[in-house]
């Protein structure tokens, strides 16, 4: 919860509107939360759009794809998604707002090679979506449609341990193939805003990591944490 709260507080410094897409269970959790660091009031809007999604538990990224699709098709405005454990430390919105596609970084992993039977290209590349979005909402909508189609083909992978990274295939591997086919070169946070972007997925259990983020938030923007 501390990571999500911090991420939202940073986002509200720089963006005109911060929206949470969730399901009914998530809305109840946020509404009942009594932690003073986080409440639904932190968001400009909460939309319940993720009910009745029929995918196995190890398809943990499927909600993100539906959220991307909803943002692109319904709002039809440039947007940026942040994983709950990622955030910007400085205002780089002017640098981001006109980029067609934004992603976190390029990945190279051998396991991406093995999914050509599901319509994916035989290569070992992917774009990580810890941060994702862009101004080309039509392309993003097309990406989401293809990602969901790929996810449907992959539904046979249901073993939670053996196939725990299956989400990386339809979410991140497919994004690389999609951009490559469309000749879109994504704006990568790891290359272009490395000094002001944080993603704590490797060290969420390290108290020093969150302390660093909270200290920067308080020191730079005089915001209580």
Protein backbone atom coordinates (compact mmCIF):
# COMPACT_ATOMS: atom_id res chain seq x y z
CA UNK A 1 0.00 0.00 0.00
CA UNK A 2 2.88 2.38 0.72
CA UNK A 3 4.19 1.99 -2.82
CA UNK A 4 0.78 2.62 -4.38
CA UNK A 5 0.14 5.63 -2.17
CA UNK A 6 3.53 7.12 -3.00
CA UNK A 7 3.09 6.49 -6.73
CA UNK A 8 -0.29 8.22 -6.76
CA UNK A 9 0.99 11.19 -4.76
CA UNK A 10 3.80 11.72 -7.24
CA UNK A 11 1.46 11.34 -10.23
CA UNK A 12 -0.88 13.98 -8.84
CA UNK A 13 2.01 16.46 -8.80
CA UNK A 14 2.53 16.21 -12.54
CA UNK A 15 -0.63 15.00 -14.28
CA UNK A 16 -3.98 16.71 -14.74
CA UNK A 17 -5.97 13.62 -13.80
CA UNK A 18 -5.10 10.37 -12.01
CA UNK A 19 -7.57 7.52 -12.51
CA UNK A 20 -7.69 4.07 -10.95
CA UNK A 21 -9.23 1.22 -12.96
CA UNK A 22 -10.24 -1.69 -10.75
CA UNK A 23 -12.92 -4.32 -10.07
CA UNK A 24 -15.65 -4.40 -7.44
CA UNK A 25 -13.44 -6.24 -4.96
CA UNK A 26 -10.68 -3.68 -5.44
CA UNK A 27 -13.10 -0.80 -4.96
CA UNK A 28 -14.33 -2.32 -1.69
CA UNK A 29 -10.75 -2.81 -0.51
CA UNK A 30 -9.78 0.79 -1.25
CA UNK A 31 -13.01 2.16 0.23
CA UNK A 32 -12.61 0.22 3.47
CA UNK A 33 -8.93 1.02 3.86
CA UNK A 34 -8.31 3.11 6.97
CA UNK A 35 -4.63 3.82 6.37
CA UNK A 36 -4.28 7.59 6.36
CA UNK A 37 -1.64 7.35 3.64
CA UNK A 38 -4.15 6.07 1.13
CA UNK A 39 -7.82 6.54 0.38
CA UNK A 40 -9.96 6.70 -2.78
CA UNK A 41 -9.86 10.48 -2.42
CA UNK A 42 -6.26 10.39 -3.66
CA UNK A 43 -7.62 9.66 -7.15
CA UNK A 44 -9.54 12.04 -9.36
CA UNK A 45 -11.70 9.11 -10.41
CA UNK A 46 -12.07 5.38 -9.80
CA UNK A 47 -13.73 3.29 -12.49
CA UNK A 48 -14.91 -0.29 -12.00
CA UNK A 49 -14.23 -1.93 -15.38
CA UNK A 50 -12.45 -5.18 -14.51
CA UNK A 51 -15.29 -7.40 -13.26
CA UNK A 52 -16.02 -10.77 -14.93
CA UNK A 53 -12.65 -11.22 -16.60
CA UNK A 54 -12.31 -14.94 -17.22
CA UNK A 55 -8.62 -15.78 -17.19
CA UNK A 56 -6.48 -18.06 -14.98
CA UNK A 57 -4.73 -16.49 -11.95
CA UNK A 58 -1.30 -16.64 -13.58
CA UNK A 59 -2.56 -14.23 -16.26
CA UNK A 60 -1.89 -11.48 -13.72
CA UNK A 61 -1.33 -8.76 -16.34
CA UNK A 62 -4.65 -9.22 -18.11
CA UNK A 63 -6.31 -6.43 -16.11
CA UNK A 64 -3.65 -4.02 -17.31
CA UNK A 65 -4.46 -4.82 -20.94
CA UNK A 66 -8.16 -4.18 -20.37
CA UNK A 67 -7.31 -0.92 -18.60
CA UNK A 68 -5.04 0.19 -21.46
CA UNK A 69 -7.77 -0.65 -23.94
CA UNK A 70 -10.44 1.22 -21.97
CA UNK A 71 -8.24 4.30 -21.64
CA UNK A 72 -7.44 4.31 -25.36
CA UNK A 73 -10.94 3.56 -26.68
CA UNK A 74 -13.16 5.39 -24.16
CA UNK A 75 -11.04 8.39 -23.18
CA UNK A 76 -9.27 8.68 -26.55
CA UNK A 77 -6.61 10.89 -25.00
CA UNK A 78 -2.87 10.38 -24.42
CA UNK A 79 -2.24 8.58 -21.13
CA UNK A 80 0.45 6.93 -19.06
CA UNK A 81 0.04 3.83 -16.90
CA UNK A 82 2.26 3.21 -13.87
CA UNK A 83 2.63 -0.11 -12.09
CA UNK A 84 1.80 0.39 -8.42
CA UNK A 85 5.50 0.12 -7.52
CA UNK A 86 6.72 2.66 -10.07
CA UNK A 87 6.83 6.44 -10.07
CA UNK A 88 8.33 9.61 -11.52
CA UNK A 89 10.40 11.86 -9.26
CA UNK A 90 10.33 14.94 -11.47
CA UNK A 91 7.98 16.55 -13.98
CA UNK A 92 8.82 15.10 -17.39
CA UNK A 93 5.28 15.36 -18.76
CA UNK A 94 6.34 17.81 -21.53
CA UNK A 95 8.83 15.18 -22.68
CA UNK A 96 6.30 12.33 -22.55
CA UNK A 97 3.05 13.80 -23.80
CA UNK A 98 3.85 13.66 -27.52
CA UNK A 99 5.53 10.23 -27.61
CA UNK A 100 3.59 7.69 -29.69
CA UNK A 101 4.32 4.70 -27.43
CA UNK A 102 6.05 4.76 -24.04
CA UNK A 103 7.52 1.71 -22.31
CA UNK A 104 9.92 1.08 -19.45
CA UNK A 105 12.78 -0.80 -21.10
CA UNK A 106 13.69 -3.43 -23.68
CA UNK A 107 14.13 -6.98 -22.41
CA UNK A 108 16.20 -9.81 -23.89
CA UNK A 109 15.30 -13.26 -22.55
CA UNK A 110 15.63 -16.68 -24.17
CA UNK A 111 12.20 -17.81 -22.98
CA UNK A 112 10.55 -15.29 -25.33
CA UNK A 113 11.75 -17.44 -28.26
CA UNK A 114 9.30 -20.28 -27.76
CA UNK A 115 5.86 -18.89 -28.63
CA UNK A 116 5.78 -18.82 -32.43
CA UNK A 117 2.95 -21.40 -32.32
CA UNK A 118 0.76 -18.67 -30.84
CA UNK A 119 1.34 -16.12 -33.57
CA UNK A 120 4.36 -14.45 -31.98
CA UNK A 121 7.63 -13.79 -33.76
CA UNK A 122 10.55 -16.07 -32.96
CA UNK A 123 12.81 -13.60 -31.19
CA UNK A 124 13.87 -13.04 -27.59
CA UNK A 125 12.81 -9.42 -27.19
CA UNK A 126 10.07 -7.64 -25.25
CA UNK A 127 9.18 -4.20 -23.95
CA UNK A 128 8.60 -3.99 -20.22
CA UNK A 129 5.38 -2.16 -19.29
CA UNK A 130 6.12 -0.97 -15.75
CA UNK A 131 5.39 2.34 -17.39
CA UNK A 132 3.27 2.31 -20.56
CA UNK A 133 1.17 4.66 -22.64
CA UNK A 134 1.50 7.28 -25.32
CA UNK A 135 -0.27 9.69 -27.61
CA UNK A 136 -1.11 7.22 -30.40
CA UNK A 137 -4.25 5.87 -28.76
CA UNK A 138 -5.37 4.17 -31.98
CA UNK A 139 -2.16 2.13 -32.06
CA UNK A 140 -2.53 1.36 -28.35
CA UNK A 141 -6.09 0.12 -28.93
CA UNK A 142 -4.83 -2.12 -31.75
CA UNK A 143 -2.04 -3.43 -29.51
CA UNK A 144 -4.56 -4.26 -26.78
CA UNK A 145 -6.83 -6.12 -29.19
CA UNK A 146 -3.88 -8.23 -30.35
CA UNK A 147 -2.63 -8.80 -26.81
CA UNK A 148 -6.06 -10.05 -25.72
CA UNK A 149 -6.26 -12.33 -28.75
CA UNK A 150 -2.83 -13.74 -27.88
CA UNK A 151 -3.89 -14.22 -24.26
CA UNK A 152 -6.90 -16.25 -25.41
CA UNK A 153 -4.58 -18.52 -27.38
CA UNK A 154 -2.37 -18.97 -24.32
CA UNK A 155 -5.15 -19.93 -21.92
CA UNK A 156 -3.97 -23.53 -21.85
CA UNK A 157 -1.03 -22.46 -19.69
CA UNK A 158 -2.65 -22.64 -16.28
CA UNK A 159 0.04 -24.06 -13.99
CA UNK A 160 0.73 -21.19 -11.56
CA UNK A 161 4.39 -22.08 -10.97
CA UNK A 162 5.52 -23.46 -14.31
CA UNK A 163 3.83 -20.70 -16.28
CA UNK A 164 3.95 -17.84 -13.80
CA UNK A 165 5.55 -15.55 -16.42
CA UNK A 166 2.98 -16.24 -19.13
CA UNK A 167 1.67 -12.68 -18.74
CA UNK A 168 5.01 -11.40 -20.00
CA UNK A 169 4.26 -13.08 -23.32
CA UNK A 170 0.94 -11.46 -24.24
CA UNK A 171 1.74 -8.19 -22.47
CA UNK A 172 5.43 -7.51 -23.19
CA UNK A 173 6.60 -9.92 -25.92
CA UNK A 174 3.57 -9.10 -28.03
CA UNK A 175 4.20 -5.37 -27.53
CA UNK A 176 7.69 -5.74 -29.02
CA UNK A 177 6.36 -7.66 -32.03
CA UNK A 178 3.55 -5.15 -32.49
CA UNK A 179 5.87 -2.13 -32.42
CA UNK A 180 8.39 -3.82 -34.66
CA UNK A 181 5.71 -4.65 -37.23
CA UNK A 182 4.30 -1.10 -37.11
CA UNK A 183 7.82 0.38 -37.24
CA UNK A 184 7.18 2.23 -33.98
CA UNK A 185 10.21 2.92 -31.82
CA UNK A 186 8.92 3.30 -28.25
CA UNK A 187 10.18 6.02 -25.96
CA UNK A 188 11.99 4.02 -23.24
CA UNK A 189 12.11 5.35 -19.71
CA UNK A 190 15.32 3.42 -19.04
CA UNK A 191 17.12 5.37 -21.77
CA UNK A 192 15.46 8.77 -21.70
CA UNK A 193 14.34 9.53 -18.13
CA UNK A 194 16.46 7.08 -16.18
CA UNK A 195 17.44 9.55 -13.47
CA UNK A 196 13.87 10.47 -12.49
CA UNK A 197 12.02 7.17 -12.92
CA UNK A 198 11.87 4.46 -10.27
CA UNK A 199 10.47 0.94 -10.40
CA UNK A 200 10.93 -1.02 -7.19
CA UNK A 201 9.90 -4.51 -8.30
CA UNK A 202 13.24 -6.08 -7.33
CA UNK A 203 13.51 -4.51 -3.89
CA UNK A 204 9.98 -4.04 -2.56
CA UNK A 205 11.01 -5.73 0.67
CA UNK A 206 13.93 -3.35 1.17
CA UNK A 207 12.81 -0.64 3.61
CA UNK A 208 15.60 1.59 2.35
CA UNK A 209 14.09 1.70 -1.15
CA UNK A 210 10.78 3.09 0.02
CA UNK A 211 12.52 5.39 2.50
CA UNK A 212 14.50 6.88 -0.38
CA UNK A 213 11.33 7.57 -2.38
CA UNK A 214 9.43 9.00 0.58
CA UNK A 215 12.36 11.21 1.57
CA UNK A 216 12.62 12.60 -1.94
CA UNK A 217 8.87 13.25 -2.04
CA UNK A 218 8.91 15.10 1.28
CA UNK A 219 12.16 17.00 0.66
CA UNK A 220 11.46 18.07 -2.93
CA UNK A 221 7.77 18.90 -2.74
CA UNK A 222 7.11 19.55 0.95
CA UNK A 223 4.45 16.84 1.05
CA UNK A 224 3.78 14.92 4.23
CA UNK A 225 4.27 11.17 3.95
